[in-house]
Amino acid sequence: MNFRDIPTKINIFLKEVKLEIKKVNWPTQKETVRDTLIVILVSVVVAIFLGGIDFIFTRLLDRFI
């Protein structure tokens, strides 16, 4: 690898990145908010479910131990 080629390779890389970024289908603000709310809701539901299971098992173990 020749060290003189590094700036040229970096320049080529950055140009390719710029071209690829133009191809990205970015979500709208509405889609982003909707998807974020879905993730938060699912996280809360899973947390409640796991907390409930933990509570039940803790009570059962306290009863038998």
C-alpha atoms as a PDB file:
ATOM      1  CA  MET A   1       0.000   0.000   0.000  1.00  0.00           C
ATOM      2  CA  ASN A   2       1.371   3.314  -1.064  1.00  0.00           C
ATOM      3  CA  PHE A   3       0.839   6.169   1.398  1.00  0.00           C
ATOM      4  CA  ARG A   4       0.489   8.655  -1.456  1.00  0.00           C
ATOM      5  CA  ASP A   5      -2.702   6.873  -2.553  1.00  0.00           C
ATOM      6  CA  ILE A   6      -4.472   7.374   0.780  1.00  0.00           C
ATOM      7  CA  PRO A   7      -5.857  10.911   0.126  1.00  0.00           C
ATOM      8  CA  THR A   8      -7.120   9.799  -3.293  1.00  0.00           C
ATOM      9  CA  LYS A   9      -8.794   6.711  -1.828  1.00  0.00           C
ATOM     10  CA  ILE A  10     -10.393   8.771   0.920  1.00  0.00           C
ATOM     11  CA  ASN A  11     -11.717  11.219  -1.668  1.00  0.00           C
ATOM     12  CA  ILE A  12     -13.169   8.398  -3.786  1.00  0.00           C
ATOM     13  CA  PHE A  13     -14.729   6.829  -0.693  1.00  0.00           C
ATOM     14  CA  LEU A  14     -16.400  10.092   0.354  1.00  0.00           C
ATOM     15  CA  LYS A  15     -17.799  10.647  -3.146  1.00  0.00           C
ATOM     16  CA  GLU A  16     -19.280   7.144  -3.122  1.00  0.00           C
ATOM     17  CA  VAL A  17     -20.783   7.749   0.304  1.00  0.00           C
ATOM     18  CA  LYS A  18     -22.423  10.936  -0.961  1.00  0.00           C
ATOM     19  CA  LEU A  19     -23.919   9.050  -3.918  1.00  0.00           C
ATOM     20  CA  GLU A  20     -25.254   6.272  -1.684  1.00  0.00           C
ATOM     21  CA  ILE A  21     -26.791   8.736   0.796  1.00  0.00           C
ATOM     22  CA  LYS A  22     -28.815  10.227  -2.065  1.00  0.00           C
ATOM     23  CA  LYS A  23     -30.342   6.782  -2.713  1.00  0.00           C
ATOM     24  CA  VAL A  24     -31.592   6.352   0.859  1.00  0.00           C
ATOM     25  CA  ASN A  25     -35.350   6.469   1.326  1.00  0.00           C
ATOM     26  CA  TRP A  26     -35.573   8.584   4.495  1.00  0.00           C
ATOM     27  CA  PRO A  27     -38.761   8.232   6.581  1.00  0.00           C
ATOM     28  CA  THR A  28     -41.013  11.204   7.104  1.00  0.00           C
ATOM     29  CA  GLN A  29     -41.352  12.830  10.515  1.00  0.00           C
ATOM     30  CA  LYS A  30     -44.814  11.276  10.885  1.00  0.00           C
ATOM     31  CA  GLU A  31     -43.458   7.782  10.184  1.00  0.00           C
ATOM     32  CA  THR A  32     -40.582   8.300  12.606  1.00  0.00           C
ATOM     33  CA  VAL A  33     -42.882   9.452  15.409  1.00  0.00           C
ATOM     34  CA  ARG A  34     -45.280   6.548  14.766  1.00  0.00           C
ATOM     35  CA  ASP A  35     -42.509   3.955  14.783  1.00  0.00           C
ATOM     36  CA  THR A  36     -40.962   5.458  17.918  1.00  0.00           C
ATOM     37  CA  LEU A  37     -44.302   5.308  19.741  1.00  0.00           C
ATOM     38  CA  ILE A  38     -44.743   1.675  18.684  1.00  0.00           C
ATOM     39  CA  VAL A  39     -41.307   0.788  20.067  1.00  0.00           C
ATOM     40  CA  ILE A  40     -42.056   2.567  23.360  1.00  0.00           C
ATOM     41  CA  LEU A  41     -45.450   0.858  23.665  1.00  0.00           C
ATOM     42  CA  VAL A  42     -44.048  -2.601  22.961  1.00  0.00           C
ATOM     43  CA  SER A  43     -41.232  -1.976  25.467  1.00  0.00           C
ATOM     44  CA  VAL A  44     -43.726  -0.980  28.168  1.00  0.00           C
ATOM     45  CA  VAL A  45     -45.921  -4.025  27.479  1.00  0.00           C
ATOM     46  CA  VAL A  46     -42.933  -6.398  27.632  1.00  0.00           C
ATOM     47  CA  ALA A  47     -41.695  -4.720  30.843  1.00  0.00           C
ATOM     48  CA  ILE A  48     -45.115  -5.131  32.476  1.00  0.00           C
ATOM     49  CA  PHE A  49     -45.319  -8.763  31.349  1.00  0.00           C
ATOM     50  CA  LEU A  50     -41.841  -9.628  32.633  1.00  0.00           C
ATOM     51  CA  GLY A  51     -42.460  -7.709  35.852  1.00  0.00           C
ATOM     52  CA  GLY A  52     -45.673  -9.683  36.383  1.00  0.00           C
ATOM     53  CA  ILE A  53     -43.949 -13.003  35.762  1.00  0.00           C
ATOM     54  CA  ASP A  54     -41.159 -11.998  38.151  1.00  0.00           C
ATOM     55  CA  PHE A  55     -43.698 -10.991  40.807  1.00  0.00           C
ATOM     56  CA  ILE A  56     -45.572 -14.293  40.475  1.00  0.00           C
ATOM     57  CA  PHE A  57     -42.419 -16.414  40.678  1.00  0.00           C
ATOM     58  CA  THR A  58     -41.124 -14.404  43.632  1.00  0.00           C
ATOM     59  CA  ARG A  59     -44.398 -14.963  45.516  1.00  0.00           C
ATOM     60  CA  LEU A  60     -44.360 -18.687  44.684  1.00  0.00           C
ATOM     61  CA  LEU A  61     -40.766 -19.097  45.817  1.00  0.00           C
ATOM     62  CA  ASP A  62     -41.436 -17.173  49.047  1.00  0.00           C
ATOM     63  CA  ARG A  63     -44.372 -19.469  49.725  1.00  0.00           C
ATOM     64  CA  PHE A  64     -42.444 -22.722  49.243  1.00  0.00           C
ATOM     65  CA  ILE A  65     -39.069 -21.738  50.712  1.00  0.00           C
END
